[in-house]
Amino acid sequence: MHREVNRSLTGKIGRVTGTIAPGTIGEVMLPFHGGTSAFFAYPFDKTSTFPVGERVLVIYFEPPQTVYVDELPDVLREF
């Protein structure tokens, strides 16, 4: 049986609150269920580093509290 993929956070923009880097568990704050919640975060490409304060894009959500993120594309940086 296939595991159902939860896409509820895919495409959301978050702010890094704990450095995200290879080999570490980072943290990102994301809008979630009408509020803001902290999620464990890892670089989607397994090589990037994102410092505290940087905005990132959620590529994949792994319930219950883990996301994989990537660099925010230029077209979304102005919002």
N, C-alpha and C. Protein backbone atom coordinates (compact mmCIF):
# COMPACT_ATOMS: atom_id res chain seq x y z
N MET A 1 0.84 -1.18 0.00
CA MET A 1 0.00 0.00 0.00
C MET A 1 0.88 1.25 0.00
N HIS A 2 0.52 2.24 -0.79
CA HIS A 2 1.31 3.47 -0.88
C HIS A 2 0.99 4.40 0.26
N ARG A 3 2.02 5.02 0.78
CA ARG A 3 1.85 6.01 1.84
C ARG A 3 1.35 7.30 1.21
N GLU A 4 0.31 7.87 1.79
CA GLU A 4 -0.25 9.10 1.25
C GLU A 4 0.68 10.27 1.58
N VAL A 5 0.99 11.09 0.58
CA VAL A 5 1.88 12.22 0.76
C VAL A 5 1.08 13.43 1.24
N ASN A 6 1.55 14.07 2.29
CA ASN A 6 0.91 15.25 2.83
C ASN A 6 1.59 16.48 2.23
N ARG A 7 0.85 17.25 1.45
CA ARG A 7 1.42 18.42 0.78
C ARG A 7 0.95 19.73 1.40
N SER A 8 0.44 19.69 2.62
CA SER A 8 -0.15 20.88 3.24
C SER A 8 0.85 22.01 3.43
N LEU A 9 2.14 21.73 3.54
CA LEU A 9 3.13 22.78 3.73
C LEU A 9 3.99 23.04 2.50
N THR A 10 3.87 22.19 1.50
CA THR A 10 4.66 22.37 0.28
C THR A 10 4.35 23.72 -0.35
N GLY A 11 5.40 24.49 -0.64
CA GLY A 11 5.22 25.80 -1.25
C GLY A 11 5.10 26.95 -0.26
N LYS A 12 5.06 26.64 1.03
CA LYS A 12 4.99 27.69 2.05
C LYS A 12 6.36 28.33 2.22
N ILE A 13 6.35 29.60 2.61
CA ILE A 13 7.59 30.33 2.87
C ILE A 13 7.75 30.45 4.38
N GLY A 14 8.94 30.11 4.85
CA GLY A 14 9.22 30.18 6.28
C GLY A 14 10.47 30.98 6.57
N ARG A 15 10.67 31.27 7.85
CA ARG A 15 11.87 31.99 8.29
C ARG A 15 12.71 31.07 9.17
N VAL A 16 14.01 31.00 8.86
CA VAL A 16 14.93 30.14 9.58
C VAL A 16 15.16 30.70 10.98
N THR A 17 14.97 29.85 12.01
CA THR A 17 15.22 30.25 13.40
C THR A 17 16.35 29.43 14.03
N GLY A 18 16.82 28.44 13.33
CA GLY A 18 17.98 27.64 13.75
C GLY A 18 18.69 27.21 12.49
N THR A 19 19.97 27.52 12.37
CA THR A 19 20.72 27.29 11.13
C THR A 19 20.44 25.92 10.53
N ILE A 20 20.14 25.92 9.23
CA ILE A 20 19.87 24.69 8.49
C ILE A 20 21.12 24.39 7.66
N ALA A 21 21.70 23.21 7.88
CA ALA A 21 22.93 22.83 7.18
C ALA A 21 23.03 21.31 7.14
N PRO A 22 23.87 20.80 6.23
CA PRO A 22 24.07 19.35 6.16
C PRO A 22 24.58 18.82 7.51
N GLY A 23 24.03 17.71 7.95
CA GLY A 23 24.49 17.08 9.18
C GLY A 23 23.96 17.70 10.46
N THR A 24 23.07 18.69 10.34
CA THR A 24 22.49 19.31 11.52
C THR A 24 20.97 19.31 11.41
N ILE A 25 20.32 19.52 12.54
CA ILE A 25 18.86 19.68 12.53
C ILE A 25 18.60 21.16 12.69
N GLY A 26 18.08 21.79 11.64
CA GLY A 26 17.75 23.20 11.69
C GLY A 26 16.31 23.39 12.14
N GLU A 27 15.90 24.65 12.19
CA GLU A 27 14.52 24.95 12.58
C GLU A 27 13.99 26.09 11.72
N VAL A 28 12.71 25.99 11.37
CA VAL A 28 12.06 27.02 10.58
C VAL A 28 10.66 27.26 11.15
N MET A 29 10.24 28.52 11.15
CA MET A 29 8.89 28.89 11.59
C MET A 29 8.03 29.02 10.34
N LEU A 30 6.85 28.38 10.38
CA LEU A 30 5.95 28.36 9.22
C LEU A 30 4.52 28.66 9.64
N PRO A 31 3.77 29.31 8.73
CA PRO A 31 2.33 29.47 9.00
C PRO A 31 1.69 28.10 8.96
N PHE A 32 0.89 27.77 10.00
CA PHE A 32 0.33 26.43 10.10
C PHE A 32 -0.94 26.46 10.94
N HIS A 33 -2.04 26.00 10.35
CA HIS A 33 -3.34 25.91 11.04
C HIS A 33 -3.75 27.22 11.70
N GLY A 34 -3.60 28.33 11.00
CA GLY A 34 -4.04 29.62 11.51
C GLY A 34 -3.08 30.30 12.45
N GLY A 35 -1.92 29.73 12.67
CA GLY A 35 -0.90 30.32 13.55
C GLY A 35 0.47 30.13 12.94
N THR A 36 1.47 30.11 13.80
CA THR A 36 2.85 29.87 13.37
C THR A 36 3.43 28.78 14.24
N SER A 37 4.12 27.82 13.61
CA SER A 37 4.71 26.71 14.35
C SER A 37 6.15 26.48 13.93
N ALA A 38 6.92 25.90 14.84
CA ALA A 38 8.32 25.55 14.55
C ALA A 38 8.37 24.13 13.99
N PHE A 39 9.22 23.95 12.98
CA PHE A 39 9.41 22.64 12.37
C PHE A 39 10.91 22.35 12.27
N PHE A 40 11.28 21.08 12.46
CA PHE A 40 12.65 20.67 12.17
C PHE A 40 12.86 20.86 10.68
N ALA A 41 14.06 21.28 10.28
CA ALA A 41 14.29 21.56 8.87
C ALA A 41 15.65 21.05 8.40
N TYR A 42 15.65 20.54 7.18
CA TYR A 42 16.86 20.04 6.53
C TYR A 42 16.94 20.62 5.13
N PRO A 43 18.16 20.79 4.59
CA PRO A 43 18.26 21.26 3.20
C PRO A 43 17.80 20.17 2.24
N PHE A 44 16.92 20.52 1.31
CA PHE A 44 16.38 19.55 0.36
C PHE A 44 17.48 18.91 -0.48
N ASP A 45 18.48 19.72 -0.88
CA ASP A 45 19.55 19.20 -1.74
C ASP A 45 20.69 18.55 -0.94
N LYS A 46 20.57 18.54 0.38
CA LYS A 46 21.54 17.92 1.30
C LYS A 46 22.91 18.60 1.31
N THR A 47 23.05 19.77 0.64
CA THR A 47 24.34 20.46 0.63
C THR A 47 24.26 21.93 1.02
N SER A 48 23.10 22.54 0.92
CA SER A 48 22.96 23.97 1.17
C SER A 48 22.96 24.30 2.66
N THR A 49 23.30 25.56 2.96
CA THR A 49 23.25 26.08 4.32
C THR A 49 22.40 27.34 4.31
N PHE A 50 21.51 27.46 5.30
CA PHE A 50 20.63 28.63 5.41
C PHE A 50 20.78 29.21 6.81
N PRO A 51 21.25 30.46 6.91
CA PRO A 51 21.47 31.09 8.22
C PRO A 51 20.17 31.57 8.87
N VAL A 52 20.23 31.83 10.16
CA VAL A 52 19.10 32.36 10.90
C VAL A 52 18.64 33.66 10.26
N GLY A 53 17.33 33.80 10.11
CA GLY A 53 16.75 35.01 9.53
C GLY A 53 16.43 34.91 8.05
N GLU A 54 17.04 33.95 7.36
CA GLU A 54 16.79 33.80 5.92
C GLU A 54 15.41 33.19 5.68
N ARG A 55 14.77 33.63 4.60
CA ARG A 55 13.48 33.04 4.22
C ARG A 55 13.75 31.89 3.25
N VAL A 56 12.99 30.80 3.43
CA VAL A 56 13.18 29.59 2.62
C VAL A 56 11.84 29.07 2.14
N LEU A 57 11.89 28.21 1.13
CA LEU A 57 10.69 27.62 0.53
C LEU A 57 10.61 26.14 0.91
N VAL A 58 9.46 25.70 1.40
CA VAL A 58 9.27 24.29 1.75
C VAL A 58 9.06 23.49 0.47
N ILE A 59 9.88 22.46 0.28
CA ILE A 59 9.79 21.59 -0.88
C ILE A 59 9.05 20.30 -0.52
N TYR A 60 9.26 19.82 0.71
CA TYR A 60 8.65 18.56 1.12
C TYR A 60 8.36 18.59 2.61
N PHE A 61 7.20 18.08 3.00
CA PHE A 61 6.78 17.99 4.41
C PHE A 61 6.69 16.53 4.80
N GLU A 62 7.37 16.18 5.90
CA GLU A 62 7.32 14.83 6.43
C GLU A 62 6.69 14.90 7.82
N PRO A 63 5.43 14.51 7.94
CA PRO A 63 4.75 14.59 9.24
C PRO A 63 5.49 13.79 10.31
N PRO A 64 5.47 14.22 11.57
CA PRO A 64 4.60 15.28 12.04
C PRO A 64 5.24 16.67 12.03
N GLN A 65 6.57 16.82 12.12
CA GLN A 65 7.15 18.16 12.30
C GLN A 65 8.45 18.37 11.53
N THR A 66 8.61 17.77 10.37
CA THR A 66 9.86 17.91 9.62
C THR A 66 9.59 18.42 8.21
N VAL A 67 10.42 19.39 7.79
CA VAL A 67 10.32 19.91 6.43
C VAL A 67 11.70 19.91 5.77
N TYR A 68 11.69 19.83 4.46
CA TYR A 68 12.90 19.94 3.65
C TYR A 68 12.75 21.21 2.84
N VAL A 69 13.75 22.08 2.90
CA VAL A 69 13.62 23.43 2.33
C VAL A 69 14.70 23.70 1.29
N ASP A 70 14.42 24.74 0.49
CA ASP A 70 15.36 25.18 -0.53
C ASP A 70 15.37 26.70 -0.54
N GLU A 71 16.30 27.23 -1.29
CA GLU A 71 16.43 28.68 -1.44
C GLU A 71 15.14 29.27 -2.01
N LEU A 72 14.78 30.43 -1.51
CA LEU A 72 13.59 31.13 -2.00
C LEU A 72 13.90 31.68 -3.39
N PRO A 73 13.11 31.35 -4.41
CA PRO A 73 13.36 31.87 -5.76
C PRO A 73 13.24 33.39 -5.80
N ASP A 74 13.99 34.02 -6.70
CA ASP A 74 14.00 35.48 -6.81
C ASP A 74 12.60 36.05 -6.97
N VAL A 75 11.72 35.40 -7.71
CA VAL A 75 10.40 35.95 -7.96
C VAL A 75 9.56 36.05 -6.69
N LEU A 76 9.90 35.26 -5.67
CA LEU A 76 9.17 35.31 -4.40
C LEU A 76 9.84 36.18 -3.34
N ARG A 77 11.02 36.67 -3.61
CA ARG A 77 11.77 37.46 -2.62
C ARG A 77 11.15 38.82 -2.35
N GLU A 78 10.37 39.35 -3.27
CA GLU A 78 9.80 40.69 -3.11
C GLU A 78 8.56 40.70 -2.24
N PHE A 79 7.98 39.55 -1.95
CA PHE A 79 6.73 39.49 -1.18
C PHE A 79 7.00 39.41 0.29
